[in-house]
Amino acid sequence: MTFFANIKNFAADESGAVTVDWVVLTAAIVGLGIAVVVSVRGGVEDMGERISNSLSGATFDATTGDLTIGTGD
């Protein structure tokens, strides 16, 4: 084979194209996941803080088995 025939075969070979496609798709999915985490982070932290405040005021009566949850104020 000549030098130009080798270059022509190399240019026509698409065996690595699928790998490149999967790498791009994986990067897009990871980027989307990071965007979702960033967008919901504040709300999740706020919800966790409200739940923590509510449960910190909770009382349990062992004789009756009643659980009274505070308002979190």
N, C-alpha and C. Protein backbone atom coordinates (compact mmCIF):
# COMPACT_ATOMS: atom_id res chain seq x y z
N MET A 1 0.84 -1.20 0.00
CA MET A 1 0.00 0.00 0.00
C MET A 1 0.87 1.25 0.00
N THR A 2 0.38 2.22 -0.67
CA THR A 2 1.13 3.46 -0.75
C THR A 2 0.73 4.37 0.41
N PHE A 3 1.50 5.41 0.56
CA PHE A 3 1.25 6.38 1.62
C PHE A 3 -0.14 6.98 1.50
N PHE A 4 -0.54 7.35 0.29
CA PHE A 4 -1.85 7.98 0.09
C PHE A 4 -2.99 6.98 0.31
N ALA A 5 -2.76 5.72 0.01
CA ALA A 5 -3.78 4.71 0.25
C ALA A 5 -3.99 4.52 1.76
N ASN A 6 -2.90 4.57 2.51
CA ASN A 6 -3.01 4.48 3.97
C ASN A 6 -3.78 5.66 4.54
N ILE A 7 -3.53 6.84 4.06
CA ILE A 7 -4.25 8.03 4.54
C ILE A 7 -5.72 7.93 4.17
N LYS A 8 -6.01 7.46 2.96
CA LYS A 8 -7.40 7.31 2.53
C LYS A 8 -8.13 6.29 3.42
N ASN A 9 -7.50 5.19 3.74
CA ASN A 9 -8.10 4.19 4.63
C ASN A 9 -8.31 4.75 6.03
N PHE A 10 -7.34 5.50 6.52
CA PHE A 10 -7.46 6.11 7.84
C PHE A 10 -8.62 7.09 7.89
N ALA A 11 -8.77 7.90 6.88
CA ALA A 11 -9.85 8.88 6.83
C ALA A 11 -11.22 8.22 6.71
N ALA A 12 -11.28 7.08 6.06
CA ALA A 12 -12.56 6.39 5.87
C ALA A 12 -12.94 5.54 7.08
N ASP A 13 -11.99 5.23 7.95
CA ASP A 13 -12.25 4.36 9.11
C ASP A 13 -13.09 5.11 10.14
N GLU A 14 -14.24 4.54 10.52
CA GLU A 14 -15.14 5.17 11.49
C GLU A 14 -15.29 4.34 12.75
N SER A 15 -14.34 3.49 13.05
CA SER A 15 -14.46 2.60 14.20
C SER A 15 -14.47 3.35 15.53
N GLY A 16 -13.85 4.51 15.62
CA GLY A 16 -13.84 5.27 16.87
C GLY A 16 -14.94 6.29 16.98
N ALA A 17 -15.74 6.45 15.94
CA ALA A 17 -16.78 7.48 15.95
C ALA A 17 -17.85 7.19 16.99
N VAL A 18 -18.19 5.94 17.19
CA VAL A 18 -19.21 5.58 18.18
C VAL A 18 -18.72 5.91 19.58
N THR A 19 -17.46 5.67 19.84
CA THR A 19 -16.89 5.98 21.15
C THR A 19 -16.97 7.48 21.42
N VAL A 20 -16.66 8.27 20.44
CA VAL A 20 -16.74 9.72 20.59
C VAL A 20 -18.18 10.15 20.88
N ASP A 21 -19.14 9.54 20.19
CA ASP A 21 -20.54 9.86 20.43
C ASP A 21 -20.94 9.56 21.88
N TRP A 22 -20.51 8.39 22.37
CA TRP A 22 -20.86 8.02 23.75
C TRP A 22 -20.19 8.93 24.76
N VAL A 23 -18.99 9.36 24.49
CA VAL A 23 -18.31 10.28 25.40
C VAL A 23 -19.05 11.61 25.46
N VAL A 24 -19.49 12.10 24.32
CA VAL A 24 -20.23 13.36 24.28
C VAL A 24 -21.57 13.21 25.00
N LEU A 25 -22.28 12.11 24.77
CA LEU A 25 -23.56 11.90 25.45
C LEU A 25 -23.38 11.76 26.96
N THR A 26 -22.36 11.06 27.38
CA THR A 26 -22.09 10.91 28.81
C THR A 26 -21.75 12.25 29.45
N ALA A 27 -20.96 13.06 28.78
CA ALA A 27 -20.63 14.39 29.29
C ALA A 27 -21.89 15.26 29.40
N ALA A 28 -22.79 15.14 28.44
CA ALA A 28 -24.03 15.91 28.50
C ALA A 28 -24.90 15.47 29.67
N ILE A 29 -24.97 14.18 29.92
CA ILE A 29 -25.77 13.68 31.04
C ILE A 29 -25.17 14.12 32.37
N VAL A 30 -23.86 14.06 32.50
CA VAL A 30 -23.19 14.51 33.73
C VAL A 30 -23.44 16.01 33.93
N GLY A 31 -23.33 16.78 32.86
CA GLY A 31 -23.59 18.22 32.96
C GLY A 31 -25.02 18.52 33.37
N LEU A 32 -25.96 17.77 32.83
CA LEU A 32 -27.36 17.95 33.20
C LEU A 32 -27.58 17.59 34.67
N GLY A 33 -26.93 16.52 35.13
CA GLY A 33 -27.04 16.14 36.54
C GLY A 33 -26.50 17.22 37.46
N ILE A 34 -25.37 17.80 37.11
CA ILE A 34 -24.80 18.87 37.91
C ILE A 34 -25.72 20.08 37.93
N ALA A 35 -26.32 20.40 36.79
CA ALA A 35 -27.25 21.53 36.73
C ALA A 35 -28.47 21.30 37.62
N VAL A 36 -28.97 20.08 37.65
CA VAL A 36 -30.12 19.76 38.50
C VAL A 36 -29.74 19.89 39.97
N VAL A 37 -28.58 19.38 40.35
CA VAL A 37 -28.14 19.47 41.74
C VAL A 37 -28.01 20.93 42.17
N VAL A 38 -27.42 21.74 41.32
CA VAL A 38 -27.24 23.16 41.64
C VAL A 38 -28.59 23.87 41.78
N SER A 39 -29.55 23.51 40.93
CA SER A 39 -30.83 24.22 40.96
C SER A 39 -31.71 23.82 42.14
N VAL A 40 -31.59 22.60 42.66
CA VAL A 40 -32.45 22.19 43.77
C VAL A 40 -31.75 22.25 45.12
N ARG A 41 -30.48 22.57 45.13
CA ARG A 41 -29.70 22.55 46.36
C ARG A 41 -30.28 23.47 47.44
N GLY A 42 -30.60 24.68 47.09
CA GLY A 42 -31.12 25.64 48.08
C GLY A 42 -32.43 25.18 48.68
N GLY A 43 -33.32 24.66 47.86
CA GLY A 43 -34.60 24.19 48.36
C GLY A 43 -34.47 23.00 49.27
N VAL A 44 -33.55 22.11 48.96
CA VAL A 44 -33.33 20.92 49.80
C VAL A 44 -32.74 21.33 51.14
N GLU A 45 -31.80 22.26 51.13
CA GLU A 45 -31.22 22.73 52.39
C GLU A 45 -32.29 23.40 53.24
N ASP A 46 -33.14 24.20 52.64
CA ASP A 46 -34.22 24.87 53.38
C ASP A 46 -35.19 23.86 53.96
N MET A 47 -35.56 22.86 53.17
CA MET A 47 -36.48 21.83 53.64
C MET A 47 -35.86 21.05 54.79
N GLY A 48 -34.59 20.71 54.69
CA GLY A 48 -33.91 19.99 55.76
C GLY A 48 -33.86 20.79 57.05
N GLU A 49 -33.61 22.08 56.92
CA GLU A 49 -33.57 22.94 58.10
C GLU A 49 -34.95 23.03 58.75
N ARG A 50 -36.00 23.14 57.95
CA ARG A 50 -37.35 23.20 58.51
C ARG A 50 -37.73 21.90 59.20
N ILE A 51 -37.35 20.77 58.62
CA ILE A 51 -37.63 19.47 59.24
C ILE A 51 -36.85 19.34 60.55
N SER A 52 -35.60 19.76 60.54
CA SER A 52 -34.78 19.70 61.75
C SER A 52 -35.37 20.55 62.86
N ASN A 53 -35.80 21.76 62.53
CA ASN A 53 -36.40 22.64 63.53
C ASN A 53 -37.69 22.05 64.07
N SER A 54 -38.47 21.45 63.21
CA SER A 54 -39.74 20.86 63.63
C SER A 54 -39.50 19.67 64.56
N LEU A 55 -38.54 18.82 64.21
CA LEU A 55 -38.28 17.63 65.02
C LEU A 55 -37.55 17.95 66.32
N SER A 56 -36.82 19.05 66.36
CA SER A 56 -36.12 19.41 67.60
C SER A 56 -37.11 19.79 68.69
N GLY A 57 -38.29 20.22 68.31
CA GLY A 57 -39.32 20.55 69.30
C GLY A 57 -40.28 19.41 69.56
N ALA A 58 -39.99 18.23 69.04
CA ALA A 58 -40.89 17.09 69.21
C ALA A 58 -40.76 16.49 70.61
N THR A 59 -41.89 16.02 71.12
CA THR A 59 -41.89 15.34 72.42
C THR A 59 -42.61 14.02 72.27
N PHE A 60 -42.16 13.04 73.07
CA PHE A 60 -42.76 11.72 73.04
C PHE A 60 -43.18 11.33 74.45
N ASP A 61 -44.44 10.95 74.58
CA ASP A 61 -44.97 10.50 75.85
C ASP A 61 -44.93 8.97 75.86
N ALA A 62 -44.03 8.40 76.68
CA ALA A 62 -43.83 6.95 76.69
C ALA A 62 -45.02 6.21 77.29
N THR A 63 -45.78 6.86 78.14
CA THR A 63 -46.91 6.16 78.77
C THR A 63 -48.06 5.97 77.80
N THR A 64 -48.30 6.94 76.93
CA THR A 64 -49.42 6.84 75.99
C THR A 64 -48.94 6.51 74.57
N GLY A 65 -47.66 6.70 74.31
CA GLY A 65 -47.14 6.45 72.97
C GLY A 65 -47.43 7.60 72.00
N ASP A 66 -47.78 8.77 72.53
CA ASP A 66 -48.09 9.92 71.69
C ASP A 66 -46.83 10.70 71.33
N LEU A 67 -46.74 11.09 70.08
CA LEU A 67 -45.66 11.90 69.58
C LEU A 67 -46.22 13.25 69.19
N THR A 68 -45.72 14.31 69.82
CA THR A 68 -46.16 15.65 69.49
C THR A 68 -45.02 16.35 68.79
N ILE A 69 -45.25 16.80 67.56
CA ILE A 69 -44.22 17.45 66.77
C ILE A 69 -44.43 18.95 66.87
N GLY A 70 -43.35 19.67 67.15
CA GLY A 70 -43.42 21.13 67.25
C GLY A 70 -43.68 21.78 65.91
N THR A 71 -43.95 23.07 65.94
CA THR A 71 -44.22 23.82 64.71
C THR A 71 -42.96 24.30 64.03
N GLY A 72 -41.82 24.25 64.73
CA GLY A 72 -40.57 24.69 64.13
C GLY A 72 -40.37 26.18 64.20
N ASP A 73 -41.12 26.88 65.00
CA ASP A 73 -40.98 28.35 65.13
C ASP A 73 -39.79 28.74 65.94
